């Protein structure tokens, strides 16, 4: 299990079980483990997700966006839900943007 800190300074857990689930459903992410962690810690922007989730987003080229969905349960604990690539910039309410 690895832990990184979100833009809100909340520790976010990525367990091996969760990583296995992610790559089982999104095999194109298999070699992007550290990039998923880095996207949480240093995103281009963060979008408001559904049901209290957050979407850390990072651009990896012209038509490649990595989205990591996570939840900040409390100020001292959070966890990754899933991650995936998109061909277009994700849409939604931006709640944090890198300056």
PDB file of N, CA and C in Angstrom:
ATOM      1  N   UNK A   1       0.846  -1.180   0.000  1.00  0.00           N
ATOM      2  CA  UNK A   1       0.000   0.000   0.000  1.00  0.00           C
ATOM      3  C   UNK A   1       0.889   1.240   0.000  1.00  0.00           C
ATOM      4  N   UNK A   2       0.527   2.198  -0.827  1.00  0.00           N
ATOM      5  CA  UNK A   2       1.230   3.473  -0.856  1.00  0.00           C
ATOM      6  C   UNK A   2       0.263   4.582  -0.456  1.00  0.00           C
ATOM      7  N   UNK A   3       0.823   5.641   0.115  1.00  0.00           N
ATOM      8  CA  UNK A   3       0.031   6.794   0.541  1.00  0.00           C
ATOM      9  C   UNK A   3       0.663   8.045  -0.041  1.00  0.00           C
ATOM     10  N   UNK A   4      -0.178   8.888  -0.647  1.00  0.00           N
ATOM     11  CA  UNK A   4       0.242  10.201  -1.123  1.00  0.00           C
ATOM     12  C   UNK A   4      -0.726  11.221  -0.546  1.00  0.00           C
ATOM     13  N   UNK A   5      -0.387  12.498  -0.680  1.00  0.00           N
ATOM     14  CA  UNK A   5      -1.228  13.547  -0.118  1.00  0.00           C
ATOM     15  C   UNK A   5      -1.923  14.333  -1.215  1.00  0.00           C
ATOM     16  N   UNK A   6      -3.226  14.515  -1.055  1.00  0.00           N
ATOM     17  CA  UNK A   6      -4.024  15.257  -2.029  1.00  0.00           C
ATOM     18  C   UNK A   6      -3.699  16.751  -1.935  1.00  0.00           C
ATOM     19  N   UNK A   7      -4.267  17.537  -2.833  1.00  0.00           N
ATOM     20  CA  UNK A   7      -4.071  18.985  -2.795  1.00  0.00           C
ATOM     21  C   UNK A   7      -4.632  19.588  -1.511  1.00  0.00           C
ATOM     22  N   UNK A   8      -5.525  18.872  -0.841  1.00  0.00           N
ATOM     23  CA  UNK A   8      -6.088  19.310   0.443  1.00  0.00           C
ATOM     24  C   UNK A   8      -5.275  18.789   1.626  1.00  0.00           C
ATOM     25  N   UNK A   9      -4.104  18.192   1.356  1.00  0.00           N
ATOM     26  CA  UNK A   9      -3.207  17.646   2.383  1.00  0.00           C
ATOM     27  C   UNK A   9      -3.799  16.457   3.143  1.00  0.00           C
ATOM     28  N   UNK A  10      -4.706  15.719   2.496  1.00  0.00           N
ATOM     29  CA  UNK A  10      -5.297  14.519   3.078  1.00  0.00           C
ATOM     30  C   UNK A  10      -4.515  13.312   2.561  1.00  0.00           C
ATOM     31  N   UNK A  11      -4.082  12.402   3.445  1.00  0.00           N
ATOM     32  CA  UNK A  11      -3.407  11.195   2.967  1.00  0.00           C
ATOM     33  C   UNK A  11      -4.380  10.281   2.229  1.00  0.00           C
ATOM     34  N   UNK A  12      -3.992   9.890   1.013  1.00  0.00           N
ATOM     35  CA  UNK A  12      -4.840   9.052   0.159  1.00  0.00           C
ATOM     36  C   UNK A  12      -4.142   7.711  -0.030  1.00  0.00           C
ATOM     37  N   UNK A  13      -4.825   6.625   0.331  1.00  0.00           N
ATOM     38  CA  UNK A  13      -4.290   5.265   0.238  1.00  0.00           C
ATOM     39  C   UNK A  13      -4.580   4.651  -1.132  1.00  0.00           C
ATOM     40  N   UNK A  14      -3.571   3.987  -1.678  1.00  0.00           N
ATOM     41  CA  UNK A  14      -3.778   3.136  -2.851  1.00  0.00           C
ATOM     42  C   UNK A  14      -3.320   1.743  -2.446  1.00  0.00           C
ATOM     43  N   UNK A  15      -4.286   0.869  -2.150  1.00  0.00           N
ATOM     44  CA  UNK A  15      -3.964  -0.490  -1.716  1.00  0.00           C
ATOM     45  C   UNK A  15      -3.661  -1.372  -2.925  1.00  0.00           C
ATOM     46  N   UNK A  16      -2.959  -2.456  -2.669  1.00  0.00           N
ATOM     47  CA  UNK A  16      -2.648  -3.382  -3.750  1.00  0.00           C
ATOM     48  C   UNK A  16      -3.917  -4.021  -4.301  1.00  0.00           C
ATOM     49  N   UNK A  17      -4.887  -4.286  -3.436  1.00  0.00           N
ATOM     50  CA  UNK A  17      -6.177  -4.844  -3.882  1.00  0.00           C
ATOM     51  C   UNK A  17      -6.858  -3.883  -4.848  1.00  0.00           C
ATOM     52  N   UNK A  18      -6.849  -2.601  -4.509  1.00  0.00           N
ATOM     53  CA  UNK A  18      -7.504  -1.595  -5.354  1.00  0.00           C
ATOM     54  C   UNK A  18      -6.751  -1.456  -6.666  1.00  0.00           C
ATOM     55  N   UNK A  19      -5.412  -1.468  -6.620  1.00  0.00           N
ATOM     56  CA  UNK A  19      -4.626  -1.370  -7.844  1.00  0.00           C
ATOM     57  C   UNK A  19      -4.921  -2.554  -8.767  1.00  0.00           C
ATOM     58  N   UNK A  20      -5.018  -3.752  -8.191  1.00  0.00           N
ATOM     59  CA  UNK A  20      -5.347  -4.934  -8.980  1.00  0.00           C
ATOM     60  C   UNK A  20      -6.713  -4.757  -9.655  1.00  0.00           C
ATOM     61  N   UNK A  21      -7.677  -4.251  -8.914  1.00  0.00           N
ATOM     62  CA  UNK A  21      -9.017  -4.013  -9.465  1.00  0.00           C
ATOM     63  C   UNK A  21      -8.958  -3.001 -10.620  1.00  0.00           C
ATOM     64  N   UNK A  22      -8.166  -1.949 -10.445  1.00  0.00           N
ATOM     65  CA  UNK A  22      -8.054  -0.917 -11.489  1.00  0.00           C
ATOM     66  C   UNK A  22      -7.476  -1.507 -12.768  1.00  0.00           C
ATOM     67  N   UNK A  23      -6.335  -2.205 -12.675  1.00  0.00           N
ATOM     68  CA  UNK A  23      -5.698  -2.709 -13.898  1.00  0.00           C
ATOM     69  C   UNK A  23      -6.457  -3.886 -14.499  1.00  0.00           C
ATOM     70  N   UNK A  24      -7.243  -4.582 -13.691  1.00  0.00           N
ATOM     71  CA  UNK A  24      -8.080  -5.645 -14.226  1.00  0.00           C
ATOM     72  C   UNK A  24      -9.142  -5.068 -15.155  1.00  0.00           C
ATOM     73  N   UNK A  25      -9.637  -3.880 -14.835  1.00  0.00           N
ATOM     74  CA  UNK A  25     -10.668  -3.235 -15.645  1.00  0.00           C
ATOM     75  C   UNK A  25     -10.117  -2.231 -16.655  1.00  0.00           C
ATOM     76  N   UNK A  26      -8.904  -1.756 -16.432  1.00  0.00           N
ATOM     77  CA  UNK A  26      -8.269  -0.767 -17.316  1.00  0.00           C
ATOM     78  C   UNK A  26      -6.824  -1.195 -17.536  1.00  0.00           C
ATOM     79  N   UNK A  27      -6.626  -2.233 -18.347  1.00  0.00           N
ATOM     80  CA  UNK A  27      -5.285  -2.794 -18.516  1.00  0.00           C
ATOM     81  C   UNK A  27      -4.289  -1.811 -19.127  1.00  0.00           C
ATOM     82  N   UNK A  28      -4.771  -0.743 -19.769  1.00  0.00           N
ATOM     83  CA  UNK A  28      -3.873   0.267 -20.320  1.00  0.00           C
ATOM     84  C   UNK A  28      -3.157   1.057 -19.220  1.00  0.00           C
ATOM     85  N   UNK A  29      -3.588   0.898 -17.963  1.00  0.00           N
ATOM     86  CA  UNK A  29      -2.951   1.587 -16.837  1.00  0.00           C
ATOM     87  C   UNK A  29      -1.872   0.750 -16.157  1.00  0.00           C
ATOM     88  N   UNK A  30      -1.654  -0.465 -16.600  1.00  0.00           N
ATOM     89  CA  UNK A  30      -0.771  -1.401 -15.896  1.00  0.00           C
ATOM     90  C   UNK A  30       0.610  -0.830 -15.577  1.00  0.00           C
ATOM     91  N   UNK A  31       1.176  -0.041 -16.460  1.00  0.00           N
ATOM     92  CA  UNK A  31       2.519   0.506 -16.216  1.00  0.00           C
ATOM     93  C   UNK A  31       2.480   1.945 -15.697  1.00  0.00           C
ATOM     94  N   UNK A  32       1.336   2.390 -15.196  1.00  0.00           N
ATOM     95  CA  UNK A  32       1.171   3.777 -14.756  1.00  0.00           C
ATOM     96  C   UNK A  32       0.928   3.910 -13.248  1.00  0.00           C
ATOM     97  N   UNK A  33       1.394   2.957 -12.465  1.00  0.00           N
ATOM     98  CA  UNK A  33       1.162   2.982 -11.016  1.00  0.00           C
ATOM     99  C   UNK A  33       1.646   4.296 -10.393  1.00  0.00           C
ATOM    100  N   UNK A  34       2.891   4.664 -10.639  1.00  0.00           N
ATOM    101  CA  UNK A  34       3.448   5.874 -10.033  1.00  0.00           C
ATOM    102  C   UNK A  34       2.821   7.146 -10.596  1.00  0.00           C
ATOM    103  N   UNK A  35       2.395   7.088 -11.850  1.00  0.00           N
ATOM    104  CA  UNK A  35       1.716   8.241 -12.446  1.00  0.00           C
ATOM    105  C   UNK A  35       0.346   8.462 -11.790  1.00  0.00           C
ATOM    106  N   UNK A  36      -0.322   7.368 -11.411  1.00  0.00           N
ATOM    107  CA  UNK A  36      -1.600   7.491 -10.694  1.00  0.00           C
ATOM    108  C   UNK A  36      -1.363   8.200  -9.365  1.00  0.00           C
ATOM    109  N   UNK A  37      -0.338   7.769  -8.633  1.00  0.00           N
ATOM    110  CA  UNK A  37      -0.018   8.416  -7.356  1.00  0.00           C
ATOM    111  C   UNK A  37       0.355   9.883  -7.555  1.00  0.00           C
ATOM    112  N   UNK A  38       1.160  10.154  -8.560  1.00  0.00           N
ATOM    113  CA  UNK A  38       1.596  11.522  -8.846  1.00  0.00           C
ATOM    114  C   UNK A  38       0.419  12.418  -9.247  1.00  0.00           C
ATOM    115  N   UNK A  39      -0.561  11.849  -9.928  1.00  0.00           N
ATOM    116  CA  UNK A  39      -1.731  12.620 -10.347  1.00  0.00           C
ATOM    117  C   UNK A  39      -2.531  13.089  -9.132  1.00  0.00           C
ATOM    118  N   UNK A  40      -2.590  12.272  -8.096  1.00  0.00           N
ATOM    119  CA  UNK A  40      -3.277  12.689  -6.869  1.00  0.00           C
ATOM    120  C   UNK A  40      -2.498  13.815  -6.195  1.00  0.00           C
ATOM    121  N   UNK A  41      -1.195  13.662  -6.129  1.00  0.00           N
ATOM    122  CA  UNK A  41      -0.364  14.611  -5.402  1.00  0.00           C
ATOM    123  C   UNK A  41      -0.086  15.895  -6.179  1.00  0.00           C
ATOM    124  N   UNK A  42      -0.053  15.802  -7.499  1.00  0.00           N
ATOM    125  CA  UNK A  42       0.320  16.955  -8.318  1.00  0.00           C
ATOM    126  C   UNK A  42      -0.533  17.012  -9.591  1.00  0.00           C
ATOM    127  N   UNK A  43      -1.851  17.194  -9.452  1.00  0.00           N
ATOM    128  CA  UNK A  43      -2.736  17.205 -10.622  1.00  0.00           C
ATOM    129  C   UNK A  43      -2.663  18.527 -11.388  1.00  0.00           C
ATOM    130  N   UNK A  44      -3.136  18.485 -12.630  1.00  0.00           N
ATOM    131  CA  UNK A  44      -3.331  19.738 -13.365  1.00  0.00           C
ATOM    132  C   UNK A  44      -4.550  20.460 -12.804  1.00  0.00           C
ATOM    133  N   UNK A  45      -5.584  19.689 -12.503  1.00  0.00           N
ATOM    134  CA  UNK A  45      -6.758  20.226 -11.826  1.00  0.00           C
ATOM    135  C   UNK A  45      -7.545  19.109 -11.167  1.00  0.00           C
ATOM    136  N   UNK A  46      -8.436  19.508 -10.246  1.00  0.00           N
ATOM    137  CA  UNK A  46      -9.288  18.559  -9.535  1.00  0.00           C
ATOM    138  C   UNK A  46     -10.735  18.954  -9.785  1.00  0.00           C
ATOM    139  N   UNK A  47     -11.537  17.961 -10.170  1.00  0.00           N
ATOM    140  CA  UNK A  47     -12.963  18.173 -10.434  1.00  0.00           C
ATOM    141  C   UNK A  47     -13.794  17.588  -9.295  1.00  0.00           C
ATOM    142  N   UNK A  48     -14.964  18.147  -9.084  1.00  0.00           N
ATOM    143  CA  UNK A  48     -15.916  17.566  -8.143  1.00  0.00           C
ATOM    144  C   UNK A  48     -16.515  16.332  -8.798  1.00  0.00           C
ATOM    145  N   UNK A  49     -16.497  15.221  -8.089  1.00  0.00           N
ATOM    146  CA  UNK A  49     -17.048  13.976  -8.608  1.00  0.00           C
ATOM    147  C   UNK A  49     -18.447  13.736  -8.056  1.00  0.00           C
ATOM    148  N   UNK A  50     -18.923  12.512  -8.214  1.00  0.00           N
ATOM    149  CA  UNK A  50     -20.243  12.124  -7.708  1.00  0.00           C
ATOM    150  C   UNK A  50     -20.147  11.654  -6.267  1.00  0.00           C
ATOM    151  N   UNK A  51     -21.180  11.916  -5.498  1.00  0.00           N
ATOM    152  CA  UNK A  51     -21.315  11.392  -4.127  1.00  0.00           C
ATOM    153  C   UNK A  51     -20.097  11.688  -3.267  1.00  0.00           C
ATOM    154  N   UNK A  52     -19.563  12.898  -3.372  1.00  0.00           N
ATOM    155  CA  UNK A  52     -18.459  13.310  -2.519  1.00  0.00           C
ATOM    156  C   UNK A  52     -17.072  12.909  -2.973  1.00  0.00           C
ATOM    157  N   UNK A  53     -16.964  12.339  -4.168  1.00  0.00           N
ATOM    158  CA  UNK A  53     -15.642  11.964  -4.663  1.00  0.00           C
ATOM    159  C   UNK A  53     -14.970  13.165  -5.319  1.00  0.00           C
ATOM    160  N   UNK A  54     -13.668  13.025  -5.537  1.00  0.00           N
ATOM    161  CA  UNK A  54     -12.879  14.021  -6.239  1.00  0.00           C
ATOM    162  C   UNK A  54     -12.193  13.336  -7.410  1.00  0.00           C
ATOM    163  N   UNK A  55     -11.935  14.102  -8.472  1.00  0.00           N
ATOM    164  CA  UNK A  55     -11.275  13.569  -9.662  1.00  0.00           C
ATOM    165  C   UNK A  55     -10.003  14.366  -9.926  1.00  0.00           C
ATOM    166  N   UNK A  56      -8.862  13.778  -9.584  1.00  0.00           N
ATOM    167  CA  UNK A  56      -7.579  14.392  -9.909  1.00  0.00           C
ATOM    168  C   UNK A  56      -7.296  14.095 -11.376  1.00  0.00           C
ATOM    169  N   UNK A  57      -6.862  15.110 -12.103  1.00  0.00           N
ATOM    170  CA  UNK A  57      -6.706  14.979 -13.551  1.00  0.00           C
ATOM    171  C   UNK A  57      -5.357  15.525 -13.993  1.00  0.00           C
ATOM    172  N   UNK A  58      -4.747  14.795 -14.915  1.00  0.00           N
ATOM    173  CA  UNK A  58      -3.446  15.203 -15.422  1.00  0.00           C
ATOM    174  C   UNK A  58      -3.345  14.883 -16.903  1.00  0.00           C
ATOM    175  N   UNK A  59      -2.750  15.796 -17.650  1.00  0.00           N
ATOM    176  CA  UNK A  59      -2.588  15.614 -19.084  1.00  0.00           C
ATOM    177  C   UNK A  59      -1.296  14.868 -19.383  1.00  0.00           C
ATOM    178  N   UNK A  60      -1.404  13.874 -20.286  1.00  0.00           N
ATOM    179  CA  UNK A  60      -0.251  13.076 -20.701  1.00  0.00           C
ATOM    180  C   UNK A  60      -0.042  13.171 -22.196  1.00  0.00           C
ATOM    181  N   UNK A  61      -0.359  14.298 -22.787  1.00  0.00           N
ATOM    182  CA  UNK A  61      -0.192  14.458 -24.225  1.00  0.00           C
ATOM    183  C   UNK A  61      -1.469  14.971 -24.846  1.00  0.00           C
ATOM    184  N   UNK A  62      -1.435  15.144 -26.157  1.00  0.00           N
ATOM    185  CA  UNK A  62      -2.543  15.783 -26.871  1.00  0.00           C
ATOM    186  C   UNK A  62      -3.910  15.180 -26.545  1.00  0.00           C
ATOM    187  N   UNK A  63      -4.048  13.887 -26.659  1.00  0.00           N
ATOM    188  CA  UNK A  63      -5.344  13.240 -26.451  1.00  0.00           C
ATOM    189  C   UNK A  63      -5.282  12.173 -25.364  1.00  0.00           C
ATOM    190  N   UNK A  64      -4.590  12.478 -24.265  1.00  0.00           N
ATOM    191  CA  UNK A  64      -4.452  11.478 -23.206  1.00  0.00           C
ATOM    192  C   UNK A  64      -4.521  12.164 -21.843  1.00  0.00           C
ATOM    193  N   UNK A  65      -5.616  11.927 -21.150  1.00  0.00           N
ATOM    194  CA  UNK A  65      -5.852  12.498 -19.822  1.00  0.00           C
ATOM    195  C   UNK A  65      -6.023  11.369 -18.818  1.00  0.00           C
ATOM    196  N   UNK A  66      -5.260  11.422 -17.741  1.00  0.00           N
ATOM    197  CA  UNK A  66      -5.400  10.450 -16.661  1.00  0.00           C
ATOM    198  C   UNK A  66      -6.326  11.042 -15.600  1.00  0.00           C
ATOM    199  N   UNK A  67      -7.335  10.283 -15.212  1.00  0.00           N
ATOM    200  CA  UNK A  67      -8.284  10.690 -14.183  1.00  0.00           C
ATOM    201  C   UNK A  67      -8.202   9.677 -13.047  1.00  0.00           C
ATOM    202  N   UNK A  68      -7.993  10.171 -11.829  1.00  0.00           N
ATOM    203  CA  UNK A  68      -7.953   9.318 -10.645  1.00  0.00           C
ATOM    204  C   UNK A  68      -9.078   9.761  -9.721  1.00  0.00           C
ATOM    205  N   UNK A  69     -10.005   8.858  -9.459  1.00  0.00           N
ATOM    206  CA  UNK A  69     -11.134   9.171  -8.585  1.00  0.00           C
ATOM    207  C   UNK A  69     -10.801   8.677  -7.182  1.00  0.00           C
ATOM    208  N   UNK A  70     -10.969   9.572  -6.220  1.00  0.00           N
ATOM    209  CA  UNK A  70     -10.668   9.220  -4.834  1.00  0.00           C
ATOM    210  C   UNK A  70     -11.654   9.912  -3.900  1.00  0.00           C
ATOM    211  N   UNK A  71     -11.636   9.463  -2.650  1.00  0.00           N
ATOM    212  CA  UNK A  71     -12.511  10.039  -1.639  1.00  0.00           C
ATOM    213  C   UNK A  71     -11.675  10.449  -0.432  1.00  0.00           C
ATOM    214  N   UNK A  72     -11.951  11.650   0.065  1.00  0.00           N
ATOM    215  CA  UNK A  72     -11.355  12.116   1.309  1.00  0.00           C
ATOM    216  C   UNK A  72     -12.405  11.892   2.396  1.00  0.00           C
ATOM    217  N   UNK A  73     -12.278  10.784   3.142  1.00  0.00           N
ATOM    218  CA  UNK A  73     -13.274  10.452   4.167  1.00  0.00           C
ATOM    219  C   UNK A  73     -13.252  11.475   5.299  1.00  0.00           C
ATOM    220  N   UNK A  74     -12.061  11.683   5.848  1.00  0.00           N
ATOM    221  CA  UNK A  74     -11.848  12.670   6.903  1.00  0.00           C
ATOM    222  C   UNK A  74     -10.508  13.335   6.611  1.00  0.00           C
ATOM    223  N   UNK A  75     -10.139  14.343   7.382  1.00  0.00           N
ATOM    224  CA  UNK A  75      -8.899  15.081   7.123  1.00  0.00           C
ATOM    225  C   UNK A  75      -7.644  14.220   7.233  1.00  0.00           C
ATOM    226  N   UNK A  76      -7.778  13.066   7.886  1.00  0.00           N
ATOM    227  CA  UNK A  76      -6.601  12.213   8.069  1.00  0.00           C
ATOM    228  C   UNK A  76      -6.693  10.886   7.308  1.00  0.00           C
ATOM    229  N   UNK A  77      -7.668  10.749   6.399  1.00  0.00           N
ATOM    230  CA  UNK A  77      -7.796   9.480   5.682  1.00  0.00           C
ATOM    231  C   UNK A  77      -8.610   9.622   4.405  1.00  0.00           C
ATOM    232  N   UNK A  78      -8.077   9.013   3.348  1.00  0.00           N
ATOM    233  CA  UNK A  78      -8.783   8.949   2.077  1.00  0.00           C
ATOM    234  C   UNK A  78      -8.281   7.744   1.296  1.00  0.00           C
ATOM    235  N   UNK A  79      -8.946   7.448   0.177  1.00  0.00           N
ATOM    236  CA  UNK A  79      -8.569   6.262  -0.595  1.00  0.00           C
ATOM    237  C   UNK A  79      -8.919   6.426  -2.061  1.00  0.00           C
ATOM    238  N   UNK A  80      -8.167   5.717  -2.903  1.00  0.00           N
ATOM    239  CA  UNK A  80      -8.408   5.694  -4.347  1.00  0.00           C
ATOM    240  C   UNK A  80      -9.574   4.753  -4.631  1.00  0.00           C
ATOM    241  N   UNK A  81     -10.444   5.174  -5.533  1.00  0.00           N
ATOM    242  CA  UNK A  81     -11.558   4.338  -5.963  1.00  0.00           C
ATOM    243  C   UNK A  81     -11.226   3.677  -7.299  1.00  0.00           C
ATOM    244  N   UNK A  82     -10.833   4.490  -8.275  1.00  0.00           N
ATOM    245  CA  UNK A  82     -10.479   3.957  -9.591  1.00  0.00           C
ATOM    246  C   UNK A  82      -9.643   4.978 -10.342  1.00  0.00           C
ATOM    247  N   UNK A  83      -9.183   4.587 -11.509  1.00  0.00           N
ATOM    248  CA  UNK A  83      -8.421   5.471 -12.390  1.00  0.00           C
ATOM    249  C   UNK A  83      -8.633   4.998 -13.821  1.00  0.00           C
ATOM    250  N   UNK A  84      -8.533   5.938 -14.756  1.00  0.00           N
ATOM    251  CA  UNK A  84      -8.723   5.600 -16.168  1.00  0.00           C
ATOM    252  C   UNK A  84      -8.183   6.715 -17.040  1.00  0.00           C
ATOM    253  N   UNK A  85      -7.962   6.401 -18.314  1.00  0.00           N
ATOM    254  CA  UNK A  85      -7.561   7.388 -19.306  1.00  0.00           C
ATOM    255  C   UNK A  85      -8.777   7.853 -20.095  1.00  0.00           C
ATOM    256  N   UNK A  86      -8.753   9.118 -20.484  1.00  0.00           N
ATOM    257  CA  UNK A  86      -9.754   9.687 -21.388  1.00  0.00           C
ATOM    258  C   UNK A  86      -9.042  10.263 -22.601  1.00  0.00           C
ATOM    259  N   UNK A  87      -9.759  10.323 -23.728  1.00  0.00           N
ATOM    260  CA  UNK A  87      -9.216  10.918 -24.957  1.00  0.00           C
ATOM    261  C   UNK A  87      -9.393  12.431 -24.996  1.00  0.00           C
ATOM    262  N   UNK A  88     -10.296  12.955 -24.162  1.00  0.00           N
ATOM    263  CA  UNK A  88     -10.566  14.394 -24.128  1.00  0.00           C
ATOM    264  C   UNK A  88     -10.421  14.913 -22.710  1.00  0.00           C
ATOM    265  N   UNK A  89     -10.221  16.209 -22.596  1.00  0.00           N
ATOM    266  CA  UNK A  89     -10.146  16.830 -21.273  1.00  0.00           C
ATOM    267  C   UNK A  89     -11.453  16.571 -20.530  1.00  0.00           C
ATOM    268  N   UNK A  90     -11.365  16.091 -19.293  1.00  0.00           N
ATOM    269  CA  UNK A  90     -12.590  15.813 -18.526  1.00  0.00           C
ATOM    270  C   UNK A  90     -13.391  17.083 -18.283  1.00  0.00           C
ATOM    271  N   UNK A  91     -14.697  16.926 -18.258  1.00  0.00           N
ATOM    272  CA  UNK A  91     -15.588  18.060 -18.018  1.00  0.00           C
ATOM    273  C   UNK A  91     -16.112  17.983 -16.588  1.00  0.00           C
ATOM    274  N   UNK A  92     -16.520  19.116 -16.074  1.00  0.00           N
ATOM    275  CA  UNK A  92     -17.090  19.157 -14.726  1.00  0.00           C
ATOM    276  C   UNK A  92     -16.633  20.407 -13.999  1.00  0.00           C
ATOM    277  N   UNK A  93     -17.077  20.513 -12.762  1.00  0.00           N
ATOM    278  CA  UNK A  93     -16.759  21.674 -11.942  1.00  0.00           C
ATOM    279  C   UNK A  93     -15.338  21.568 -11.394  1.00  0.00           C
ATOM    280  N   UNK A  94     -14.486  22.501 -11.814  1.00  0.00           N
ATOM    281  CA  UNK A  94     -13.114  22.526 -11.333  1.00  0.00           C
ATOM    282  C   UNK A  94     -13.109  23.168  -9.949  1.00  0.00           C
ATOM    283  N   UNK A  95     -12.589  22.425  -8.959  1.00  0.00           N
ATOM    284  CA  UNK A  95     -12.548  22.957  -7.611  1.00  0.00           C
ATOM    285  C   UNK A  95     -11.124  23.304  -7.162  1.00  0.00           C
ATOM    286  N   UNK A  96     -10.131  22.888  -7.949  1.00  0.00           N
ATOM    287  CA  UNK A  96      -8.737  23.243  -7.680  1.00  0.00           C
ATOM    288  C   UNK A  96      -7.989  23.196  -9.005  1.00  0.00           C
ATOM    289  N   UNK A  97      -7.117  24.172  -9.214  1.00  0.00           N
ATOM    290  CA  UNK A  97      -6.334  24.231 -10.454  1.00  0.00           C
ATOM    291  C   UNK A  97      -4.913  24.649 -10.116  1.00  0.00           C
ATOM    292  N   UNK A  98      -3.944  23.972 -10.775  1.00  0.00           N
ATOM    293  CA  UNK A  98      -2.545  24.334 -10.567  1.00  0.00           C
ATOM    294  C   UNK A  98      -2.303  25.724 -11.155  1.00  0.00           C
ATOM    295  N   UNK A  99      -1.516  26.507 -10.442  1.00  0.00           N
ATOM    296  CA  UNK A  99      -1.205  27.879 -10.934  1.00  0.00           C
ATOM    297  C   UNK A  99       0.110  27.916 -11.638  1.00  0.00           C
TER     298      UNK A  99
END
